[in-house]
N, C-alpha and C. Protein backbone atom coordinates (compact mmCIF):
# COMPACT_ATOMS: atom_id res chain seq x y z
N MET A 1 -4.09 54.18 36.04
CA MET A 1 -5.33 54.91 35.92
C MET A 1 -5.15 56.18 35.10
N ASN A 2 -5.91 56.32 33.99
CA ASN A 2 -5.70 57.46 33.15
C ASN A 2 -6.44 58.70 33.71
N THR A 3 -6.24 59.86 33.07
CA THR A 3 -6.79 61.08 33.53
C THR A 3 -8.32 61.07 33.54
N ALA A 4 -8.94 60.44 32.55
CA ALA A 4 -10.42 60.39 32.48
C ALA A 4 -10.97 59.62 33.64
N ASP A 5 -10.33 58.52 34.03
CA ASP A 5 -10.72 57.74 35.19
C ASP A 5 -10.64 58.52 36.46
N LYS A 6 -9.54 59.30 36.63
CA LYS A 6 -9.37 60.13 37.80
C LYS A 6 -10.42 61.20 37.94
N GLN A 7 -10.82 61.78 36.74
CA GLN A 7 -11.83 62.79 36.77
C GLN A 7 -13.22 62.23 37.06
N ALA A 8 -13.40 60.96 36.72
CA ALA A 8 -14.68 60.35 36.95
C ALA A 8 -14.95 60.10 38.42
N ILE A 9 -13.91 59.96 39.21
CA ILE A 9 -14.02 59.76 40.69
C ILE A 9 -13.89 61.13 41.34
N THR A 10 -15.06 61.69 41.62
CA THR A 10 -15.12 62.98 42.35
C THR A 10 -16.23 62.89 43.39
N HIS A 11 -16.22 63.85 44.27
CA HIS A 11 -17.24 63.90 45.32
C HIS A 11 -18.65 64.02 44.68
N ALA A 12 -18.75 64.86 43.65
CA ALA A 12 -20.05 65.10 43.03
C ALA A 12 -20.59 63.77 42.42
N ASN A 13 -19.75 63.01 41.80
CA ASN A 13 -20.19 61.80 41.19
C ASN A 13 -20.54 60.72 42.25
N LEU A 14 -20.02 60.75 43.39
CA LEU A 14 -20.21 59.78 44.44
C LEU A 14 -21.43 60.04 45.30
N GLU A 15 -22.03 61.21 45.20
CA GLU A 15 -23.16 61.49 45.99
C GLU A 15 -24.34 60.57 45.78
N ASN A 16 -24.51 60.15 44.50
CA ASN A 16 -25.68 59.35 44.18
C ASN A 16 -25.32 57.85 44.10
N VAL A 17 -24.05 57.50 44.40
CA VAL A 17 -23.64 56.12 44.32
C VAL A 17 -23.95 55.43 45.63
N THR A 18 -24.56 54.25 45.57
CA THR A 18 -24.75 53.53 46.79
C THR A 18 -23.70 52.42 46.91
N LEU A 19 -22.96 52.49 47.98
CA LEU A 19 -21.93 51.48 48.27
C LEU A 19 -22.48 50.38 49.06
N PRO A 20 -22.01 49.18 48.83
CA PRO A 20 -22.44 48.06 49.71
C PRO A 20 -22.07 48.25 51.16
N ASP A 21 -22.85 47.68 52.08
CA ASP A 21 -22.52 47.82 53.49
C ASP A 21 -21.34 47.04 53.90
N TYR A 22 -21.07 45.93 53.26
CA TYR A 22 -19.95 45.10 53.63
C TYR A 22 -19.37 44.45 52.33
N PHE A 23 -18.21 43.85 52.51
CA PHE A 23 -17.57 43.16 51.43
C PHE A 23 -17.15 41.78 51.91
N ALA A 24 -17.65 40.75 51.32
CA ALA A 24 -17.31 39.37 51.75
C ALA A 24 -15.85 39.02 51.27
N VAL A 25 -15.06 38.44 52.21
CA VAL A 25 -13.70 38.10 51.89
C VAL A 25 -13.38 36.71 52.45
N THR A 26 -12.32 36.14 51.89
CA THR A 26 -11.75 34.87 52.33
C THR A 26 -10.32 35.13 52.67
N VAL A 27 -9.92 34.49 53.81
CA VAL A 27 -8.51 34.63 54.27
C VAL A 27 -7.75 33.34 54.02
N ILE A 28 -6.56 33.50 53.52
CA ILE A 28 -5.67 32.33 53.22
C ILE A 28 -4.45 32.44 54.12
N MET A 29 -4.27 31.39 54.94
CA MET A 29 -3.09 31.29 55.85
C MET A 29 -2.22 30.15 55.42
N GLU A 30 -0.94 30.28 55.70
CA GLU A 30 0.07 29.23 55.33
C GLU A 30 0.81 28.78 56.55
N LYS A 31 0.86 27.43 56.68
CA LYS A 31 1.62 26.81 57.81
C LYS A 31 2.81 26.11 57.18
N SER A 32 3.99 26.47 57.64
CA SER A 32 5.21 25.86 57.09
C SER A 32 6.15 25.50 58.26
N PRO A 33 7.05 24.57 58.03
CA PRO A 33 7.98 24.19 59.11
C PRO A 33 8.94 25.32 59.44
N ALA A 34 9.24 25.37 60.74
CA ALA A 34 10.21 26.40 61.11
C ALA A 34 11.61 25.80 60.87
N ARG A 35 12.37 26.56 60.18
CA ARG A 35 13.69 26.01 59.79
C ARG A 35 14.85 26.53 60.68
N VAL A 36 14.63 27.57 61.39
CA VAL A 36 15.72 28.11 62.12
C VAL A 36 15.55 28.08 63.64
N SER A 37 14.47 27.48 64.18
CA SER A 37 14.22 27.47 65.60
C SER A 37 14.08 26.06 66.12
N ALA A 38 14.74 25.86 67.24
CA ALA A 38 14.67 24.55 67.90
C ALA A 38 13.44 24.50 68.80
N TRP A 39 12.79 25.62 69.09
CA TRP A 39 11.70 25.70 70.00
C TRP A 39 10.32 25.68 69.28
N VAL A 40 10.29 25.99 68.04
CA VAL A 40 9.01 26.12 67.29
C VAL A 40 9.03 25.07 66.17
N ASP A 41 7.89 24.32 66.07
CA ASP A 41 7.80 23.32 65.05
C ASP A 41 7.37 23.91 63.66
N HIS A 42 6.45 24.86 63.71
CA HIS A 42 5.97 25.47 62.45
C HIS A 42 5.75 26.96 62.63
N VAL A 43 5.64 27.60 61.47
CA VAL A 43 5.46 29.07 61.42
C VAL A 43 4.19 29.35 60.59
N TRP A 44 3.41 30.35 61.05
CA TRP A 44 2.20 30.72 60.35
C TRP A 44 2.49 32.09 59.69
N ARG A 45 1.86 32.30 58.54
CA ARG A 45 1.87 33.62 57.90
C ARG A 45 0.62 33.74 57.07
N ALA A 46 0.12 34.96 56.94
CA ALA A 46 -1.04 35.21 56.08
C ALA A 46 -0.54 35.37 54.64
N VAL A 47 -1.15 34.63 53.73
CA VAL A 47 -0.75 34.64 52.32
C VAL A 47 -1.61 35.69 51.59
N GLY A 48 -2.85 35.81 51.87
CA GLY A 48 -3.65 36.77 51.17
C GLY A 48 -5.08 36.82 51.62
N VAL A 49 -5.78 37.82 51.06
CA VAL A 49 -7.23 37.96 51.25
C VAL A 49 -7.81 38.06 49.87
N THR A 50 -8.88 37.24 49.58
CA THR A 50 -9.50 37.32 48.29
C THR A 50 -10.94 37.85 48.48
N ALA A 51 -11.39 38.50 47.44
CA ALA A 51 -12.79 38.96 47.47
C ALA A 51 -13.73 37.85 47.27
N GLY A 52 -14.86 37.87 48.07
CA GLY A 52 -15.83 36.79 47.90
C GLY A 52 -15.65 35.71 48.94
N GLY A 53 -16.60 34.80 49.00
CA GLY A 53 -16.50 33.75 49.95
C GLY A 53 -17.91 33.43 50.47
N SER A 54 -18.11 32.22 50.94
CA SER A 54 -19.38 31.76 51.44
C SER A 54 -19.65 32.21 52.82
N GLN A 55 -20.80 32.84 53.09
CA GLN A 55 -21.11 33.38 54.38
C GLN A 55 -21.50 32.19 55.34
N ASP A 56 -21.95 31.07 54.85
CA ASP A 56 -22.37 29.98 55.74
C ASP A 56 -21.20 29.15 56.24
N LEU A 57 -19.98 29.45 55.83
CA LEU A 57 -18.79 28.74 56.34
C LEU A 57 -17.99 29.69 57.21
N GLN A 58 -18.61 30.52 57.97
CA GLN A 58 -17.95 31.53 58.82
C GLN A 58 -16.84 30.90 59.63
N GLY A 59 -15.63 31.27 59.35
CA GLY A 59 -14.43 30.91 60.18
C GLY A 59 -13.97 29.48 60.01
N ARG A 60 -14.66 28.69 59.19
CA ARG A 60 -14.17 27.34 59.02
C ARG A 60 -12.99 27.29 58.05
N ALA A 61 -12.15 26.30 58.26
CA ALA A 61 -10.94 26.20 57.43
C ALA A 61 -11.00 24.95 56.57
N SER A 62 -10.64 25.13 55.33
CA SER A 62 -10.38 23.98 54.46
C SER A 62 -8.85 23.95 54.27
N ILE A 63 -8.35 22.69 54.35
CA ILE A 63 -6.91 22.58 54.35
C ILE A 63 -6.44 21.94 53.00
N ASP A 64 -5.49 22.61 52.38
CA ASP A 64 -4.93 22.11 51.14
C ASP A 64 -3.41 22.04 51.32
N CYS A 65 -2.88 20.92 50.94
CA CYS A 65 -1.42 20.74 51.01
C CYS A 65 -0.82 21.12 49.63
N ILE A 66 0.15 22.06 49.59
CA ILE A 66 0.73 22.47 48.32
C ILE A 66 2.09 21.82 48.21
N ASP A 67 2.73 21.49 49.29
CA ASP A 67 3.99 20.86 49.25
C ASP A 67 4.00 19.95 50.43
N GLY A 68 4.79 18.98 50.50
CA GLY A 68 4.81 17.99 51.58
C GLY A 68 4.78 18.57 52.93
N ASP A 69 5.42 19.66 53.23
CA ASP A 69 5.47 20.26 54.54
C ASP A 69 4.60 21.53 54.72
N ILE A 70 4.18 22.09 53.59
CA ILE A 70 3.46 23.36 53.63
C ILE A 70 1.97 23.12 53.48
N GLN A 71 1.15 23.73 54.34
CA GLN A 71 -0.31 23.65 54.21
C GLN A 71 -0.88 25.04 54.09
N LEU A 72 -1.90 25.10 53.27
CA LEU A 72 -2.71 26.35 53.06
C LEU A 72 -4.03 26.09 53.80
N GLN A 73 -4.46 27.04 54.64
CA GLN A 73 -5.80 26.97 55.25
C GLN A 73 -6.60 28.14 54.77
N VAL A 74 -7.76 27.87 54.25
CA VAL A 74 -8.65 28.88 53.69
C VAL A 74 -9.87 29.08 54.63
N TYR A 75 -10.03 30.28 55.08
CA TYR A 75 -11.10 30.65 56.00
C TYR A 75 -12.08 31.52 55.27
N SER A 76 -13.30 31.08 55.07
CA SER A 76 -14.30 31.82 54.39
C SER A 76 -15.33 32.45 55.37
N GLY A 77 -16.09 33.34 54.80
CA GLY A 77 -17.24 33.92 55.57
C GLY A 77 -16.92 35.22 56.36
N PHE A 78 -15.88 35.89 55.98
CA PHE A 78 -15.58 37.15 56.71
C PHE A 78 -16.21 38.32 55.96
N GLU A 79 -16.57 39.31 56.72
CA GLU A 79 -17.16 40.53 56.11
C GLU A 79 -16.24 41.71 56.55
N VAL A 80 -15.88 42.52 55.55
CA VAL A 80 -15.17 43.76 55.86
C VAL A 80 -16.21 44.87 55.83
N ARG A 81 -16.31 45.59 56.90
CA ARG A 81 -17.23 46.73 57.01
C ARG A 81 -16.43 47.99 57.15
N LEU A 82 -16.94 49.10 56.57
CA LEU A 82 -16.32 50.40 56.69
C LEU A 82 -17.20 51.29 57.53
N TYR A 83 -16.55 52.11 58.36
CA TYR A 83 -17.27 53.01 59.28
C TYR A 83 -16.79 54.45 59.02
N ILE A 84 -17.71 55.39 59.08
CA ILE A 84 -17.36 56.79 58.79
C ILE A 84 -16.33 57.31 59.76
N ASP A 85 -16.41 56.92 61.05
CA ASP A 85 -15.47 57.47 61.99
C ASP A 85 -14.06 56.90 61.79
N GLU A 86 -13.86 55.96 60.96
CA GLU A 86 -12.53 55.38 60.65
C GLU A 86 -11.97 55.88 59.35
N CYS A 87 -12.66 56.83 58.68
CA CYS A 87 -12.24 57.28 57.35
C CYS A 87 -10.83 57.81 57.32
N ASP A 88 -10.36 58.47 58.38
CA ASP A 88 -8.98 58.96 58.42
C ASP A 88 -7.98 57.82 58.30
N SER A 89 -8.26 56.72 59.01
CA SER A 89 -7.34 55.56 59.01
C SER A 89 -7.40 54.91 57.60
N TYR A 90 -8.58 54.77 56.99
CA TYR A 90 -8.69 54.21 55.67
C TYR A 90 -7.87 55.05 54.67
N TYR A 91 -8.04 56.37 54.79
CA TYR A 91 -7.38 57.29 53.85
C TYR A 91 -5.89 57.12 53.94
N HIS A 92 -5.30 57.10 55.15
CA HIS A 92 -3.83 56.93 55.33
C HIS A 92 -3.41 55.55 54.79
N ASN A 93 -4.21 54.55 55.03
CA ASN A 93 -3.89 53.22 54.54
C ASN A 93 -3.81 53.21 52.97
N LEU A 94 -4.80 53.85 52.34
CA LEU A 94 -4.81 53.88 50.91
C LEU A 94 -3.67 54.74 50.32
N MET A 95 -3.29 55.74 51.02
CA MET A 95 -2.25 56.66 50.61
C MET A 95 -0.81 56.16 50.88
N SER A 96 -0.72 55.05 51.65
CA SER A 96 0.57 54.50 51.96
C SER A 96 1.19 53.83 50.73
N PRO A 97 2.51 53.71 50.67
CA PRO A 97 3.12 53.05 49.47
C PRO A 97 2.64 51.66 49.22
N SER A 98 2.18 50.90 50.26
CA SER A 98 1.66 49.56 50.12
C SER A 98 0.39 49.40 50.98
N PRO A 99 -0.76 49.67 50.47
CA PRO A 99 -2.03 49.55 51.26
C PRO A 99 -2.19 48.10 51.72
N GLN A 100 -2.69 47.96 52.95
CA GLN A 100 -2.74 46.65 53.61
C GLN A 100 -4.11 46.31 54.03
N CYS A 101 -4.40 44.97 54.09
CA CYS A 101 -5.53 44.41 54.82
C CYS A 101 -4.97 43.86 56.11
N TYR A 102 -5.66 44.04 57.20
CA TYR A 102 -5.23 43.55 58.49
C TYR A 102 -6.09 42.38 58.89
N ILE A 103 -5.41 41.25 59.17
CA ILE A 103 -6.09 40.02 59.58
C ILE A 103 -5.82 39.79 61.07
N ILE A 104 -6.82 39.90 61.86
CA ILE A 104 -6.62 39.73 63.32
C ILE A 104 -7.00 38.25 63.71
N VAL A 105 -6.09 37.61 64.37
CA VAL A 105 -6.25 36.22 64.69
C VAL A 105 -6.09 35.99 66.20
N ARG A 106 -6.64 34.92 66.69
CA ARG A 106 -6.46 34.49 68.05
C ARG A 106 -5.97 33.03 68.05
N GLN A 107 -5.21 32.65 69.03
CA GLN A 107 -4.70 31.31 69.10
C GLN A 107 -5.86 30.42 69.51
N ASP A 108 -6.00 29.26 68.84
CA ASP A 108 -7.01 28.26 69.12
C ASP A 108 -6.57 27.52 70.42
N ASP A 109 -7.48 27.28 71.30
CA ASP A 109 -7.21 26.58 72.53
C ASP A 109 -6.86 25.12 72.36
N VAL A 110 -7.45 24.53 71.30
CA VAL A 110 -7.29 23.08 71.09
C VAL A 110 -5.90 22.72 70.57
N ASP A 111 -5.56 23.30 69.42
CA ASP A 111 -4.30 22.93 68.74
C ASP A 111 -3.32 24.07 68.65
N ASP A 112 -3.59 25.18 69.25
CA ASP A 112 -2.69 26.37 69.30
C ASP A 112 -2.43 26.92 67.93
N ASP A 113 -3.33 26.71 66.96
CA ASP A 113 -3.24 27.33 65.65
C ASP A 113 -3.96 28.63 65.65
N PRO A 114 -3.44 29.57 64.91
CA PRO A 114 -4.13 30.87 64.81
C PRO A 114 -5.47 30.76 64.02
N ARG A 115 -6.56 31.37 64.54
CA ARG A 115 -7.81 31.40 63.91
C ARG A 115 -8.22 32.84 63.61
N PRO A 116 -8.30 33.23 62.34
CA PRO A 116 -8.73 34.59 62.04
C PRO A 116 -10.17 34.83 62.54
N PHE A 117 -10.45 36.01 63.06
CA PHE A 117 -11.78 36.34 63.42
C PHE A 117 -12.27 37.65 62.89
N LEU A 118 -11.34 38.48 62.32
CA LEU A 118 -11.68 39.81 61.82
C LEU A 118 -10.72 40.19 60.74
N VAL A 119 -11.26 40.84 59.65
CA VAL A 119 -10.44 41.42 58.66
C VAL A 119 -10.81 42.88 58.61
N SER A 120 -9.81 43.75 58.65
CA SER A 120 -10.07 45.21 58.70
C SER A 120 -9.16 45.91 57.73
N LEU A 121 -9.55 47.10 57.40
CA LEU A 121 -8.74 48.01 56.56
C LEU A 121 -8.28 49.17 57.37
N SER A 122 -8.57 49.21 58.60
CA SER A 122 -8.18 50.31 59.49
C SER A 122 -6.96 49.93 60.32
N PHE A 123 -5.90 50.78 60.17
CA PHE A 123 -4.72 50.53 60.96
C PHE A 123 -5.03 50.76 62.46
N ASP A 124 -5.82 51.75 62.73
CA ASP A 124 -6.13 52.06 64.09
C ASP A 124 -6.83 50.93 64.81
N GLU A 125 -7.79 50.28 64.10
CA GLU A 125 -8.46 49.12 64.69
C GLU A 125 -7.49 47.96 64.94
N ALA A 126 -6.69 47.69 63.89
CA ALA A 126 -5.69 46.59 64.04
C ALA A 126 -4.72 46.88 65.15
N HIS A 127 -4.29 48.08 65.32
CA HIS A 127 -3.39 48.44 66.39
C HIS A 127 -4.01 48.25 67.78
N ALA A 128 -5.28 48.55 67.88
CA ALA A 128 -5.99 48.32 69.14
C ALA A 128 -6.02 46.83 69.52
N TYR A 129 -6.24 45.93 68.52
CA TYR A 129 -6.21 44.53 68.84
C TYR A 129 -4.78 44.07 69.12
N LEU A 130 -3.78 44.68 68.45
CA LEU A 130 -2.37 44.33 68.70
C LEU A 130 -2.01 44.68 70.08
N GLU A 131 -2.53 45.77 70.63
CA GLU A 131 -2.23 46.16 72.04
C GLU A 131 -2.73 45.15 73.03
N GLY A 132 -3.75 44.38 72.61
CA GLY A 132 -4.28 43.26 73.44
C GLY A 132 -3.44 42.00 73.25
N ASP A 133 -4.08 40.92 73.31
CA ASP A 133 -3.36 39.63 73.19
C ASP A 133 -3.51 39.02 71.82
N ASP A 134 -3.98 39.76 70.83
CA ASP A 134 -4.24 39.19 69.51
C ASP A 134 -3.02 39.41 68.59
N THR A 135 -2.99 38.59 67.53
CA THR A 135 -1.89 38.69 66.55
C THR A 135 -2.51 39.33 65.28
N VAL A 136 -1.76 40.22 64.65
CA VAL A 136 -2.22 40.88 63.47
C VAL A 136 -1.29 40.57 62.31
N TYR A 137 -1.82 40.00 61.23
CA TYR A 137 -1.06 39.78 60.02
C TYR A 137 -1.49 40.81 58.96
N THR A 138 -0.55 41.19 58.09
CA THR A 138 -0.88 42.16 57.04
C THR A 138 -0.68 41.50 55.71
N VAL A 139 -1.54 41.80 54.76
CA VAL A 139 -1.42 41.34 53.40
C VAL A 139 -1.76 42.50 52.47
N ASP A 140 -1.33 42.44 51.24
CA ASP A 140 -1.71 43.50 50.28
C ASP A 140 -3.18 43.45 50.04
N ILE A 141 -3.78 44.62 49.88
CA ILE A 141 -5.20 44.78 49.71
C ILE A 141 -5.62 44.37 48.28
N PRO A 142 -6.63 43.50 48.09
CA PRO A 142 -7.09 43.15 46.77
C PRO A 142 -7.66 44.38 46.04
N ALA A 143 -7.60 44.41 44.71
CA ALA A 143 -8.03 45.50 43.94
C ALA A 143 -9.46 45.87 44.13
N GLU A 144 -10.35 44.88 44.31
CA GLU A 144 -11.78 45.16 44.55
C GLU A 144 -12.02 45.86 45.84
N LEU A 145 -11.28 45.46 46.87
CA LEU A 145 -11.37 46.12 48.18
C LEU A 145 -10.82 47.55 48.14
N TYR A 146 -9.74 47.70 47.39
CA TYR A 146 -9.14 48.98 47.27
C TYR A 146 -10.12 49.98 46.61
N ARG A 147 -10.74 49.56 45.48
CA ARG A 147 -11.71 50.46 44.81
C ARG A 147 -12.91 50.75 45.67
N TRP A 148 -13.41 49.82 46.40
CA TRP A 148 -14.54 49.96 47.26
C TRP A 148 -14.25 50.97 48.43
N THR A 149 -13.04 50.74 49.01
CA THR A 149 -12.63 51.62 50.12
C THR A 149 -12.39 53.02 49.62
N GLU A 150 -11.76 53.15 48.42
CA GLU A 150 -11.51 54.43 47.82
C GLU A 150 -12.80 55.20 47.57
N SER A 151 -13.81 54.51 47.06
CA SER A 151 -15.09 55.17 46.85
C SER A 151 -15.74 55.58 48.18
N PHE A 152 -15.60 54.74 49.19
CA PHE A 152 -16.14 55.13 50.51
C PHE A 152 -15.47 56.34 51.08
N VAL A 153 -14.14 56.41 50.94
CA VAL A 153 -13.36 57.53 51.53
C VAL A 153 -13.71 58.78 50.77
N LEU A 154 -13.80 58.70 49.45
CA LEU A 154 -14.15 59.89 48.63
C LEU A 154 -15.55 60.39 48.98
N ALA A 155 -16.44 59.44 49.31
CA ALA A 155 -17.85 59.89 49.58
C ALA A 155 -17.97 60.48 51.01
N HIS A 156 -17.15 60.02 51.97
CA HIS A 156 -17.37 60.41 53.36
C HIS A 156 -16.27 61.11 54.07
N TYR A 157 -15.08 61.20 53.52
CA TYR A 157 -13.94 61.77 54.21
C TYR A 157 -13.69 63.17 53.71
N CYS A 158 -13.58 64.09 54.70
CA CYS A 158 -13.16 65.44 54.40
C CYS A 158 -11.99 65.76 55.35
N PRO A 159 -10.76 65.76 54.89
CA PRO A 159 -9.65 66.00 55.83
C PRO A 159 -9.74 67.34 56.45
N GLN A 160 -9.42 67.41 57.75
CA GLN A 160 -9.49 68.64 58.46
C GLN A 160 -8.04 69.06 58.76
N ARG A 161 -7.83 70.36 58.50
CA ARG A 161 -6.50 70.91 58.77
C ARG A 161 -6.28 71.01 60.27
N LEU A 162 -5.22 70.47 60.76
CA LEU A 162 -4.91 70.53 62.16
C LEU A 162 -4.46 71.94 62.56
N LYS A 163 -5.02 72.48 63.58
CA LYS A 163 -4.65 73.82 64.03
C LYS A 163 -3.88 73.76 65.32
N LYS A 164 -2.82 74.52 65.40
CA LYS A 164 -2.07 74.58 66.64
C LYS A 164 -2.84 75.47 67.56
N ARG A 165 -3.08 74.98 68.77
CA ARG A 165 -3.83 75.82 69.72
C ARG A 165 -2.99 76.98 70.23
N LYS A 166 -3.65 78.00 70.52
CA LYS A 166 -2.98 79.17 71.11
C LYS A 166 -2.71 78.98 72.57
N ARG A 167 -1.53 79.24 72.93
CA ARG A 167 -1.18 79.13 74.34
C ARG A 167 -1.61 80.35 75.08
N ARG A 168 -2.17 80.15 76.26
CA ARG A 168 -2.55 81.29 77.06
C ARG A 168 -1.34 81.73 77.89
N ASP A 169 -1.33 83.05 78.09
CA ASP A 169 -0.27 83.61 78.89
C ASP A 169 -0.58 83.47 80.36
N TRP A 170 -0.03 82.46 80.97
CA TRP A 170 -0.36 82.10 82.36
C TRP A 170 0.31 83.09 83.28
N THR A 171 1.38 83.73 82.84
CA THR A 171 2.06 84.71 83.73
C THR A 171 1.22 85.96 83.93
N LYS A 172 0.43 86.36 82.92
CA LYS A 172 -0.45 87.54 83.03
C LYS A 172 -1.52 87.33 84.14
N LYS A 173 -2.09 86.15 84.16
CA LYS A 173 -3.07 85.86 85.18
C LYS A 173 -2.47 85.88 86.61
N GLN A 174 -1.26 85.33 86.76
CA GLN A 174 -0.58 85.33 88.04
C GLN A 174 -0.29 86.73 88.44
N ASN A 175 0.15 87.58 87.50
CA ASN A 175 0.47 88.95 87.88
C ASN A 175 -0.76 89.75 88.32
N GLU A 176 -1.91 89.49 87.67
CA GLU A 176 -3.14 90.14 88.07
C GLU A 176 -3.55 89.77 89.47
N GLN A 177 -3.40 88.45 89.86
CA GLN A 177 -3.75 87.98 91.16
C GLN A 177 -2.77 88.54 92.23
N ALA A 178 -1.52 88.75 91.90
CA ALA A 178 -0.55 89.31 92.82
C ALA A 178 -0.88 90.79 93.12
N ASP A 179 -1.41 91.53 92.10
CA ASP A 179 -1.69 92.92 92.28
C ASP A 179 -2.90 93.15 93.19
N THR A 180 -3.71 92.18 93.34
CA THR A 180 -4.94 92.39 94.16
C THR A 180 -4.73 91.96 95.56
């Protein structure tokens, strides 16, 4: 990004910009055989998130074999939404050396395969699901999502300096009570 592009993205320029409420994304998961475990037949990993996708195929998977043992499952119909109260988490995600998309999945009851149900850009939200029984996969954030999130953060986030609170002198109060 050159200097002119950086100067174009400012708070003043973003005041009149209307950002979309959500961003449609598609999740790509990979199923491959487990090579080092005698207890697990296959291993899942998130391959990526792509911008766009059909909203009428919410959560459905299309299966594509790329190699004899490796399968790609494509889940369409997810929406990434940004919330003002999560701006701090988005900001730190964007400023990290490798910004991430978080794919939250649950195990399917029928075949025990992971089924994505949420895509988020907030580490705090992903961590909350991780504290529960859900699995969280991370993938690099697509360029379109990065630019959209960056615009949202620039428009809504104002970092606040953390202040150390002043400690009260508790001995002074005890001495006053002892004198009376």
